[in-house]
Amino acid sequence: MRALAPSTNGYVERDGVRVYYESYGDGDPTVFLLMPDLIVQSQAWKAQVPFLARHYRVVVIDPRGNGKSDSPGSPELFSTRQFIDDAWAVLDRIEVEQAVLVGLCTGAGHAVMMAAEVPSRVLGVCAINPGLALSPPHPFKVAHDFDAVLDSDDGWNKLNRHYWRRDWPGFARFFFGEMFPEPHSSKQLEDCVTWACGTTVDAMLAESDAPASTQYDAADICRQVTCPVLVITGSEDHCQSPERGRKVAELTGGDLVVIEGAGHLPQARDPVKVNLLLRDFVRRAGTTSRTT
């Protein structure tokens, strides 16, 4: 049972792929919560939606490949461009001209790209553990070739094409165990593994094989952002290097909040702190937009 039912919901369709969205509340401005990756569903924001919807209109989306959205078969249909265009299409469908974008991991990168791409439509960006390539990745994540046949499935060797095909639920349990270094995270871990099993190995591999975004210069994109920016970074993030968050804040002129001891998913593990940060940031971004 959900704490709050959506006021509207539906699908947008682009090139035969349907993407599901929900909208809650009717306050101003609109807050669009962007998914980190197709490994989870829009329910990953379940601790934010009821709180933020008291004050603002809140929009969430199931990423293509998971939840109620379609799962296309071609890697080209899982490119960065496709995910960003899905987000624009949802805003167009619900007739929202301007919104504050909140993204986690890859979704944070998409939010920054959208703010650089169409500044007039983005009132502010909150980037949580942003997944922009502004610093080297964690060494343990790239120690082994994703495509190679490995001799061991230990630890981060599970980040591997062949292991995914053998035991996707096993990877999901390992991965989200790493994403929650905080003690007493069993419920959050259980939720994320369940959502990860809502996608398929074929969809995850299609996203991994999607055309590389080599045309994007992450630092240049950050410099183009003119709206208010808040970066929230967990000091113990095992997915994205915390240095990436620091650089997003530096390059955009944004504010940086480091949550000591937090992992990759602070919106799930420390929702009160994150919710209050989001509420105050959205209020500030909305006020700034009306006075400039």
C-alpha atoms as a PDB file:
ATOM      1  CA  MET A   1       0.000   0.000   0.000  1.00  0.00           C
ATOM      2  CA  ARG A   2       1.324   3.451  -0.924  1.00  0.00           C
ATOM      3  CA  ALA A   3       1.255   6.429   1.437  1.00  0.00           C
ATOM      4  CA  LEU A   4      -0.262   8.606  -1.299  1.00  0.00           C
ATOM      5  CA  ALA A   5      -2.144   7.813  -4.512  1.00  0.00           C
ATOM      6  CA  PRO A   6      -1.232   9.719  -7.692  1.00  0.00           C
ATOM      7  CA  SER A   7      -3.568  12.497  -8.760  1.00  0.00           C
ATOM      8  CA  THR A   8      -2.866  11.667 -12.424  1.00  0.00           C
ATOM      9  CA  ASN A   9      -0.978   8.934 -14.210  1.00  0.00           C
ATOM     10  CA  GLY A  10      -0.510   7.651 -17.712  1.00  0.00           C
ATOM     11  CA  TYR A  11       1.907   6.938 -20.523  1.00  0.00           C
ATOM     12  CA  VAL A  12       3.852   8.847 -23.097  1.00  0.00           C
ATOM     13  CA  GLU A  13       4.793   6.983 -26.256  1.00  0.00           C
ATOM     14  CA  ARG A  14       7.878   7.701 -28.303  1.00  0.00           C
ATOM     15  CA  ASP A  15       8.693   5.624 -31.369  1.00  0.00           C
ATOM     16  CA  GLY A  16       6.527   2.788 -30.117  1.00  0.00           C
ATOM     17  CA  VAL A  17       7.976   2.722 -26.574  1.00  0.00           C
ATOM     18  CA  ARG A  18       5.550   3.587 -23.788  1.00  0.00           C
ATOM     19  CA  VAL A  19       6.911   5.221 -20.626  1.00  0.00           C
ATOM     20  CA  TYR A  20       4.792   5.369 -17.487  1.00  0.00           C
ATOM     21  CA  TYR A  21       4.534   8.444 -15.250  1.00  0.00           C
ATOM     22  CA  GLU A  22       2.657   9.565 -12.139  1.00  0.00           C
ATOM     23  CA  SER A  23       1.892  13.040 -10.786  1.00  0.00           C
ATOM     24  CA  TYR A  24       1.085  13.912  -7.160  1.00  0.00           C
ATOM     25  CA  GLY A  25      -0.172  17.124  -5.559  1.00  0.00           C
ATOM     26  CA  ASP A  26      -0.835  20.466  -7.205  1.00  0.00           C
ATOM     27  CA  GLY A  27       1.554  22.949  -5.606  1.00  0.00           C
ATOM     28  CA  ASP A  28       4.006  25.212  -7.350  1.00  0.00           C
ATOM     29  CA  PRO A  29       6.637  24.638  -8.632  1.00  0.00           C
ATOM     30  CA  THR A  30       6.672  21.148 -10.122  1.00  0.00           C
ATOM     31  CA  VAL A  31       9.373  18.794  -8.861  1.00  0.00           C
ATOM     32  CA  PHE A  32      10.423  16.058 -11.294  1.00  0.00           C
ATOM     33  CA  LEU A  33      12.201  13.119  -9.615  1.00  0.00           C
ATOM     34  CA  LEU A  34      14.384  11.407 -12.222  1.00  0.00           C
ATOM     35  CA  MET A  35      15.376   7.776 -11.909  1.00  0.00           C
ATOM     36  CA  PRO A  36      18.994   6.785 -11.331  1.00  0.00           C
ATOM     37  CA  ASP A  37      18.891   3.860 -13.736  1.00  0.00           C
ATOM     38  CA  LEU A  38      16.543   1.215 -15.060  1.00  0.00           C
ATOM     39  CA  ILE A  39      17.745  -1.093 -12.272  1.00  0.00           C
ATOM     40  CA  VAL A  40      15.053   0.492 -10.061  1.00  0.00           C
ATOM     41  CA  GLN A  41      11.527   1.863 -10.466  1.00  0.00           C
ATOM     42  CA  SER A  42       9.906   5.147  -9.537  1.00  0.00           C
ATOM     43  CA  GLN A  43       9.037   3.662  -6.140  1.00  0.00           C
ATOM     44  CA  ALA A  44      12.658   4.349  -5.190  1.00  0.00           C
ATOM     45  CA  TRP A  45      11.345   7.869  -4.434  1.00  0.00           C
ATOM     46  CA  LYS A  46       8.574   6.579  -2.156  1.00  0.00           C
ATOM     47  CA  ALA A  47      10.011   8.365   0.897  1.00  0.00           C
ATOM     48  CA  GLN A  48      10.083  11.702  -0.954  1.00  0.00           C
ATOM     49  CA  VAL A  49       6.782  11.788  -2.840  1.00  0.00           C
ATOM     50  CA  PRO A  50       4.282  12.121   0.053  1.00  0.00           C
ATOM     51  CA  PHE A  51       6.369  14.762   1.833  1.00  0.00           C
ATOM     52  CA  LEU A  52       7.129  16.914  -1.202  1.00  0.00           C
ATOM     53  CA  ALA A  53       3.565  16.619  -2.524  1.00  0.00           C
ATOM     54  CA  ARG A  54       2.351  18.526   0.542  1.00  0.00           C
ATOM     55  CA  HIS A  55       4.069  21.582  -0.883  1.00  0.00           C
ATOM     56  CA  TYR A  56       4.628  21.010  -4.615  1.00  0.00           C
ATOM     57  CA  ARG A  57       3.463  19.055  -7.622  1.00  0.00           C
ATOM     58  CA  VAL A  58       5.659  15.945  -7.828  1.00  0.00           C
ATOM     59  CA  VAL A  59       6.240  13.863 -10.956  1.00  0.00           C
ATOM     60  CA  VAL A  60       7.931  10.459 -11.157  1.00  0.00           C
ATOM     61  CA  ILE A  61       8.635   8.142 -14.042  1.00  0.00           C
ATOM     62  CA  ASP A  62       9.339   4.424 -14.457  1.00  0.00           C
ATOM     63  CA  PRO A  63      12.431   4.234 -16.660  1.00  0.00           C
ATOM     64  CA  ARG A  64      12.112   2.377 -19.913  1.00  0.00           C
ATOM     65  CA  GLY A  65      13.022  -1.220 -19.129  1.00  0.00           C
ATOM     66  CA  ASN A  66      11.432  -1.441 -15.669  1.00  0.00           C
ATOM     67  CA  GLY A  67       8.167  -1.024 -13.801  1.00  0.00           C
ATOM     68  CA  LYS A  68       5.150  -0.223 -15.952  1.00  0.00           C
ATOM     69  CA  SER A  69       7.227   1.175 -18.818  1.00  0.00           C
ATOM     70  CA  ASP A  70       8.007  -0.813 -21.951  1.00  0.00           C
ATOM     71  CA  SER A  71      11.314  -2.583 -22.407  1.00  0.00           C
ATOM     72  CA  PRO A  72      12.650  -2.114 -25.943  1.00  0.00           C
ATOM     73  CA  GLY A  73      15.106  -4.654 -27.309  1.00  0.00           C
ATOM     74  CA  SER A  74      17.639  -2.452 -29.079  1.00  0.00           C
ATOM     75  CA  PRO A  75      20.650  -0.876 -27.309  1.00  0.00           C
ATOM     76  CA  GLU A  76      20.052   2.312 -29.321  1.00  0.00           C
ATOM     77  CA  LEU A  77      16.733   2.687 -27.482  1.00  0.00           C
ATOM     78  CA  PHE A  78      18.540   2.844 -24.123  1.00  0.00           C
ATOM     79  CA  SER A  79      20.878   5.724 -24.944  1.00  0.00           C
ATOM     80  CA  THR A  80      21.240   8.837 -22.800  1.00  0.00           C
ATOM     81  CA  ARG A  81      19.314  10.771 -25.437  1.00  0.00           C
ATOM     82  CA  GLN A  82      16.344   8.427 -25.126  1.00  0.00           C
ATOM     83  CA  PHE A  83      16.102   8.789 -21.348  1.00  0.00           C
ATOM     84  CA  ILE A  84      16.344  12.583 -21.545  1.00  0.00           C
ATOM     85  CA  ASP A  85      13.750  12.774 -24.299  1.00  0.00           C
ATOM     86  CA  ASP A  86      11.419  10.573 -22.233  1.00  0.00           C
ATOM     87  CA  ALA A  87      11.657  13.144 -19.430  1.00  0.00           C
ATOM     88  CA  TRP A  88      10.912  16.065 -21.738  1.00  0.00           C
ATOM     89  CA  ALA A  89       7.982  14.133 -23.220  1.00  0.00           C
ATOM     90  CA  VAL A  90       6.442  13.579 -19.783  1.00  0.00           C
ATOM     91  CA  LEU A  91       6.717  17.289 -18.939  1.00  0.00           C
ATOM     92  CA  ASP A  92       5.112  18.132 -22.279  1.00  0.00           C
ATOM     93  CA  ARG A  93       2.272  15.650 -21.729  1.00  0.00           C
ATOM     94  CA  ILE A  94       1.335  17.081 -18.333  1.00  0.00           C
ATOM     95  CA  GLU A  95       1.821  20.630 -19.675  1.00  0.00           C
ATOM     96  CA  VAL A  96       4.568  21.664 -17.267  1.00  0.00           C
ATOM     97  CA  GLU A  97       6.669  24.426 -18.762  1.00  0.00           C
ATOM     98  CA  GLN A  98       9.163  24.699 -15.896  1.00  0.00           C
ATOM     99  CA  ALA A  99      10.270  22.295 -13.176  1.00  0.00           C
ATOM    100  CA  VAL A 100      12.881  21.682 -10.526  1.00  0.00           C
ATOM    101  CA  LEU A 101      14.750  18.506 -11.485  1.00  0.00           C
ATOM    102  CA  VAL A 102      15.986  16.069  -8.850  1.00  0.00           C
ATOM    103  CA  GLY A 103      18.141  13.190  -9.994  1.00  0.00           C
ATOM    104  CA  LEU A 104      20.153  10.390  -8.449  1.00  0.00           C
ATOM    105  CA  CYS A 105      23.283   8.882 -10.033  1.00  0.00           C
ATOM    106  CA  THR A 106      22.677   8.673 -13.789  1.00  0.00           C
ATOM    107  CA  GLY A 107      19.435  10.593 -13.287  1.00  0.00           C
ATOM    108  CA  ALA A 108      21.409  13.430 -11.717  1.00  0.00           C
ATOM    109  CA  GLY A 109      23.547  13.553 -14.832  1.00  0.00           C
ATOM    110  CA  HIS A 110      20.413  13.683 -16.967  1.00  0.00           C
ATOM    111  CA  ALA A 111      19.057  16.548 -14.861  1.00  0.00           C
ATOM    112  CA  VAL A 112      22.265  18.551 -15.331  1.00  0.00           C
ATOM    113  CA  MET A 113      22.178  17.871 -19.082  1.00  0.00           C
ATOM    114  CA  MET A 114      18.561  19.007 -19.304  1.00  0.00           C
ATOM    115  CA  ALA A 115      19.354  22.227 -17.442  1.00  0.00           C
ATOM    116  CA  ALA A 116      22.184  22.952 -19.877  1.00  0.00           C
ATOM    117  CA  GLU A 117      20.083  21.964 -22.893  1.00  0.00           C
ATOM    118  CA  VAL A 118      16.950  24.045 -22.214  1.00  0.00           C
ATOM    119  CA  PRO A 119      17.722  26.513 -19.394  1.00  0.00           C
ATOM    120  CA  SER A 120      14.337  28.219 -19.649  1.00  0.00           C
ATOM    121  CA  ARG A 121      12.528  25.055 -18.539  1.00  0.00           C
ATOM    122  CA  VAL A 122      14.663  24.143 -15.517  1.00  0.00           C
ATOM    123  CA  LEU A 123      14.224  26.161 -12.321  1.00  0.00           C
ATOM    124  CA  GLY A 124      16.848  24.261 -10.380  1.00  0.00           C
ATOM    125  CA  VAL A 125      18.755  20.973 -10.184  1.00  0.00           C
ATOM    126  CA  CYS A 126      19.366  18.786  -7.159  1.00  0.00           C
ATOM    127  CA  ALA A 127      21.997  16.183  -8.041  1.00  0.00           C
ATOM    128  CA  ILE A 128      22.322  13.305  -5.561  1.00  0.00           C
ATOM    129  CA  ASN A 129      25.572  11.340  -5.955  1.00  0.00           C
ATOM    130  CA  PRO A 130      25.805  12.461  -9.590  1.00  0.00           C
ATOM    131  CA  GLY A 131      27.008  10.012 -12.207  1.00  0.00           C
ATOM    132  CA  LEU A 132      28.880  12.413 -14.473  1.00  0.00           C
ATOM    133  CA  ALA A 133      32.368  11.357 -15.576  1.00  0.00           C
ATOM    134  CA  LEU A 134      34.200  14.238 -13.913  1.00  0.00           C
ATOM    135  CA  SER A 135      36.712  12.033 -12.099  1.00  0.00           C
ATOM    136  CA  PRO A 136      37.934   8.434 -12.447  1.00  0.00           C
ATOM    137  CA  PRO A 137      35.529   5.714 -11.303  1.00  0.00           C
ATOM    138  CA  HIS A 138      36.145   3.703  -8.169  1.00  0.00           C
ATOM    139  CA  PRO A 139      39.059   1.356  -9.015  1.00  0.00           C
ATOM    140  CA  PHE A 140      37.212  -1.720  -7.740  1.00  0.00           C
ATOM    141  CA  LYS A 141      34.417  -1.163 -10.268  1.00  0.00           C
ATOM    142  CA  VAL A 142      36.756  -1.284 -13.257  1.00  0.00           C
ATOM    143  CA  ALA A 143      39.328  -3.801 -12.007  1.00  0.00           C
ATOM    144  CA  HIS A 144      37.884  -6.496 -14.283  1.00  0.00           C
ATOM    145  CA  ASP A 145      36.585  -6.502 -17.835  1.00  0.00           C
ATOM    146  CA  PHE A 146      32.784  -6.450 -17.909  1.00  0.00           C
ATOM    147  CA  ASP A 147      32.787  -8.634 -21.035  1.00  0.00           C
ATOM    148  CA  ALA A 148      35.461 -11.161 -20.035  1.00  0.00           C
ATOM    149  CA  VAL A 149      34.823 -14.656 -18.726  1.00  0.00           C
ATOM    150  CA  LEU A 150      36.239 -14.482 -15.195  1.00  0.00           C
ATOM    151  CA  ASP A 151      37.560 -17.250 -12.984  1.00  0.00           C
ATOM    152  CA  SER A 152      35.778 -15.961  -9.891  1.00  0.00           C
ATOM    153  CA  ASP A 153      32.427 -14.445  -8.989  1.00  0.00           C
ATOM    154  CA  ASP A 154      33.728 -12.875  -5.808  1.00  0.00           C
ATOM    155  CA  GLY A 155      32.865  -9.269  -4.945  1.00  0.00           C
ATOM    156  CA  TRP A 156      32.870  -6.790  -7.789  1.00  0.00           C
ATOM    157  CA  ASN A 157      33.658  -9.600 -10.259  1.00  0.00           C
ATOM    158  CA  LYS A 158      29.872  -9.887 -10.292  1.00  0.00           C
ATOM    159  CA  LEU A 159      29.792  -6.676 -12.334  1.00  0.00           C
ATOM    160  CA  ASN A 160      30.112  -8.852 -15.414  1.00  0.00           C
ATOM    161  CA  ARG A 161      27.998  -9.705 -18.443  1.00  0.00           C
ATOM    162  CA  HIS A 162      28.300 -13.454 -17.974  1.00  0.00           C
ATOM    163  CA  TYR A 163      27.527 -13.386 -14.259  1.00  0.00           C
ATOM    164  CA  TRP A 164      24.453 -11.246 -14.899  1.00  0.00           C
ATOM    165  CA  ARG A 165      23.128 -13.915 -17.243  1.00  0.00           C
ATOM    166  CA  ARG A 166      23.815 -16.672 -14.694  1.00  0.00           C
ATOM    167  CA  ASP A 167      22.452 -14.965 -11.602  1.00  0.00           C
ATOM    168  CA  TRP A 168      20.885 -11.517 -11.965  1.00  0.00           C
ATOM    169  CA  PRO A 169      19.199 -11.642  -8.524  1.00  0.00           C
ATOM    170  CA  GLY A 170      22.607 -12.519  -7.042  1.00  0.00           C
ATOM    171  CA  PHE A 171      24.129  -9.423  -8.610  1.00  0.00           C
ATOM    172  CA  ALA A 172      21.250  -7.266  -7.370  1.00  0.00           C
ATOM    173  CA  ARG A 173      21.758  -8.508  -3.791  1.00  0.00           C
ATOM    174  CA  PHE A 174      25.505  -7.868  -3.953  1.00  0.00           C
ATOM    175  CA  PHE A 175      25.198  -4.483  -5.657  1.00  0.00           C
ATOM    176  CA  PHE A 176      22.622  -3.014  -3.325  1.00  0.00           C
ATOM    177  CA  GLY A 177      24.479  -4.435  -0.367  1.00  0.00           C
ATOM    178  CA  GLU A 178      27.337  -2.204  -1.493  1.00  0.00           C
ATOM    179  CA  MET A 179      24.999   0.744  -2.052  1.00  0.00           C
ATOM    180  CA  PHE A 180      23.850   0.616   1.587  1.00  0.00           C
ATOM    181  CA  PRO A 181      26.949   0.678   3.827  1.00  0.00           C
ATOM    182  CA  GLU A 182      24.806   2.135   6.611  1.00  0.00           C
ATOM    183  CA  PRO A 183      23.817  -0.285   9.389  1.00  0.00           C
ATOM    184  CA  HIS A 184      20.217  -1.522   9.629  1.00  0.00           C
ATOM    185  CA  SER A 185      19.443  -1.116   5.916  1.00  0.00           C
ATOM    186  CA  SER A 186      17.759  -4.474   5.402  1.00  0.00           C
ATOM    187  CA  LYS A 187      14.373  -3.030   4.351  1.00  0.00           C
ATOM    188  CA  GLN A 188      15.932  -0.649   1.824  1.00  0.00           C
ATOM    189  CA  LEU A 189      18.067  -3.489   0.473  1.00  0.00           C
ATOM    190  CA  GLU A 190      15.037  -5.759   0.143  1.00  0.00           C
ATOM    191  CA  ASP A 191      13.087  -3.051  -1.710  1.00  0.00           C
ATOM    192  CA  CYS A 192      15.881  -2.358  -4.192  1.00  0.00           C
ATOM    193  CA  VAL A 193      16.473  -6.036  -4.961  1.00  0.00           C
ATOM    194  CA  THR A 194      12.742  -6.424  -5.630  1.00  0.00           C
ATOM    195  CA  TRP A 195      12.747  -3.446  -8.012  1.00  0.00           C
ATOM    196  CA  ALA A 196      15.908  -4.708  -9.726  1.00  0.00           C
ATOM    197  CA  CYS A 197      14.103  -7.965 -10.438  1.00  0.00           C
ATOM    198  CA  GLY A 198      11.424  -5.908 -12.197  1.00  0.00           C
ATOM    199  CA  THR A 199      13.795  -5.449 -15.098  1.00  0.00           C
ATOM    200  CA  THR A 200      15.522  -8.142 -17.156  1.00  0.00           C
ATOM    201  CA  VAL A 201      19.107  -9.054 -17.913  1.00  0.00           C
ATOM    202  CA  ASP A 202      18.430  -8.341 -21.580  1.00  0.00           C
ATOM    203  CA  ALA A 203      17.318  -4.795 -20.764  1.00  0.00           C
ATOM    204  CA  MET A 204      20.296  -4.181 -18.479  1.00  0.00           C
ATOM    205  CA  LEU A 205      22.708  -5.455 -21.112  1.00  0.00           C
ATOM    206  CA  ALA A 206      20.999  -3.372 -23.794  1.00  0.00           C
ATOM    207  CA  GLU A 207      21.591  -0.287 -21.668  1.00  0.00           C
ATOM    208  CA  SER A 208      25.217  -1.325 -21.107  1.00  0.00           C
ATOM    209  CA  ASP A 209      25.639  -1.757 -24.862  1.00  0.00           C
ATOM    210  CA  ALA A 210      23.921   1.531 -25.725  1.00  0.00           C
ATOM    211  CA  PRO A 211      25.908   3.981 -27.846  1.00  0.00           C
ATOM    212  CA  ALA A 212      28.540   5.682 -25.720  1.00  0.00           C
ATOM    213  CA  SER A 213      27.856   9.318 -24.889  1.00  0.00           C
ATOM    214  CA  THR A 214      31.237  10.466 -26.161  1.00  0.00           C
ATOM    215  CA  GLN A 215      29.682  13.619 -27.599  1.00  0.00           C
ATOM    216  CA  TYR A 216      29.044  14.875 -24.065  1.00  0.00           C
ATOM    217  CA  ASP A 217      31.743  16.839 -22.266  1.00  0.00           C
ATOM    218  CA  ALA A 218      30.595  16.607 -18.650  1.00  0.00           C
ATOM    219  CA  ALA A 219      32.628  19.584 -17.437  1.00  0.00           C
ATOM    220  CA  ASP A 220      31.443  21.792 -20.283  1.00  0.00           C
ATOM    221  CA  ILE A 221      27.823  20.794 -19.649  1.00  0.00           C
ATOM    222  CA  CYS A 222      28.143  21.702 -15.973  1.00  0.00           C
ATOM    223  CA  ARG A 223      29.554  25.124 -16.866  1.00  0.00           C
ATOM    224  CA  GLN A 224      26.487  25.806 -19.032  1.00  0.00           C
ATOM    225  CA  VAL A 225      24.048  25.392 -16.134  1.00  0.00           C
ATOM    226  CA  THR A 226      22.690  28.755 -14.982  1.00  0.00           C
ATOM    227  CA  CYS A 227      19.963  27.717 -12.524  1.00  0.00           C
ATOM    228  CA  PRO A 228      20.466  27.069  -8.788  1.00  0.00           C
ATOM    229  CA  VAL A 229      22.140  23.718  -8.054  1.00  0.00           C
ATOM    230  CA  LEU A 230      22.302  21.605  -4.920  1.00  0.00           C
ATOM    231  CA  VAL A 231      24.581  18.570  -4.801  1.00  0.00           C
ATOM    232  CA  ILE A 232      24.058  15.919  -2.114  1.00  0.00           C
ATOM    233  CA  THR A 233      26.872  13.405  -1.759  1.00  0.00           C
ATOM    234  CA  GLY A 234      27.311  10.415   0.515  1.00  0.00           C
ATOM    235  CA  SER A 235      30.834  10.165   1.894  1.00  0.00           C
ATOM    236  CA  GLU A 236      30.689   6.351   1.590  1.00  0.00           C
ATOM    237  CA  ASP A 237      29.170   6.134  -1.893  1.00  0.00           C
ATOM    238  CA  HIS A 238      30.454   2.899  -3.458  1.00  0.00           C
ATOM    239  CA  CYS A 239      28.896   3.592  -6.859  1.00  0.00           C
ATOM    240  CA  GLN A 240      29.971   7.123  -7.790  1.00  0.00           C
ATOM    241  CA  SER A 241      33.118   8.723  -6.458  1.00  0.00           C
ATOM    242  CA  PRO A 242      32.203  11.546  -4.040  1.00  0.00           C
ATOM    243  CA  GLU A 243      34.717  13.649  -5.970  1.00  0.00           C
ATOM    244  CA  ARG A 244      32.201  13.774  -8.820  1.00  0.00           C
ATOM    245  CA  GLY A 245      29.679  15.517  -6.615  1.00  0.00           C
ATOM    246  CA  ARG A 246      32.260  18.038  -5.465  1.00  0.00           C
ATOM    247  CA  LYS A 247      33.147  18.856  -9.064  1.00  0.00           C
ATOM    248  CA  VAL A 248      29.506  19.241 -10.137  1.00  0.00           C
ATOM    249  CA  ALA A 249      29.039  21.780  -7.353  1.00  0.00           C
ATOM    250  CA  GLU A 250      32.245  23.589  -8.259  1.00  0.00           C
ATOM    251  CA  LEU A 251      31.561  23.751 -11.996  1.00  0.00           C
ATOM    252  CA  THR A 252      27.921  24.824 -11.647  1.00  0.00           C
ATOM    253  CA  GLY A 253      28.525  27.227  -8.766  1.00  0.00           C
ATOM    254  CA  GLY A 254      26.142  25.128  -6.702  1.00  0.00           C
ATOM    255  CA  ASP A 255      25.965  24.203  -3.046  1.00  0.00           C
ATOM    256  CA  LEU A 256      27.469  20.943  -1.789  1.00  0.00           C
ATOM    257  CA  VAL A 257      26.119  18.941   1.145  1.00  0.00           C
ATOM    258  CA  VAL A 258      28.149  15.888   2.190  1.00  0.00           C
ATOM    259  CA  ILE A 259      26.284  13.380   4.353  1.00  0.00           C
ATOM    260  CA  GLU A 260      28.956  11.642   6.405  1.00  0.00           C
ATOM    261  CA  GLY A 261      28.632   7.870   6.481  1.00  0.00           C
ATOM    262  CA  ALA A 262      25.938   7.826   3.795  1.00  0.00           C
ATOM    263  CA  GLY A 263      26.084   5.521   0.804  1.00  0.00           C
ATOM    264  CA  HIS A 264      24.709   5.826  -2.699  1.00  0.00           C
ATOM    265  CA  LEU A 265      21.013   6.033  -1.798  1.00  0.00           C
ATOM    266  CA  PRO A 266      20.597   8.606   0.980  1.00  0.00           C
ATOM    267  CA  GLN A 267      17.032   9.412  -0.128  1.00  0.00           C
ATOM    268  CA  ALA A 268      16.120   5.878   1.033  1.00  0.00           C
ATOM    269  CA  ARG A 269      18.376   5.529   4.059  1.00  0.00           C
ATOM    270  CA  ASP A 270      18.184   9.068   5.473  1.00  0.00           C
ATOM    271  CA  PRO A 271      14.921  10.399   3.995  1.00  0.00           C
ATOM    272  CA  VAL A 272      14.234  13.039   6.638  1.00  0.00           C
ATOM    273  CA  LYS A 273      17.527  14.814   6.023  1.00  0.00           C
ATOM    274  CA  VAL A 274      17.185  14.549   2.242  1.00  0.00           C
ATOM    275  CA  ASN A 275      13.521  15.626   2.261  1.00  0.00           C
ATOM    276  CA  LEU A 276      14.248  18.760   4.258  1.00  0.00           C
ATOM    277  CA  LEU A 277      17.153  19.631   1.979  1.00  0.00           C
ATOM    278  CA  LEU A 278      14.914  19.144  -1.063  1.00  0.00           C
ATOM    279  CA  ARG A 279      12.024  21.147   0.367  1.00  0.00           C
ATOM    280  CA  ASP A 280      14.224  24.122   1.168  1.00  0.00           C
ATOM    281  CA  PHE A 281      16.069  23.945  -2.148  1.00  0.00           C
ATOM    282  CA  VAL A 282      12.858  23.769  -4.206  1.00  0.00           C
ATOM    283  CA  ARG A 283      11.464  26.712  -2.277  1.00  0.00           C
ATOM    284  CA  ARG A 284      14.607  28.725  -2.985  1.00  0.00           C
ATOM    285  CA  ALA A 285      14.803  27.714  -6.657  1.00  0.00           C
ATOM    286  CA  GLY A 286      11.157  28.559  -7.235  1.00  0.00           C
ATOM    287  CA  THR A 287      11.474  31.934  -5.539  1.00  0.00           C
ATOM    288  CA  THR A 288      14.655  32.768  -7.459  1.00  0.00           C
ATOM    289  CA  SER A 289      12.938  31.966 -10.765  1.00  0.00           C
ATOM    290  CA  ARG A 290      10.082  34.358 -10.044  1.00  0.00           C
ATOM    291  CA  THR A 291      12.360  37.258  -9.107  1.00  0.00           C
ATOM    292  CA  THR A 292      14.899  37.059 -11.949  1.00  0.00           C
END
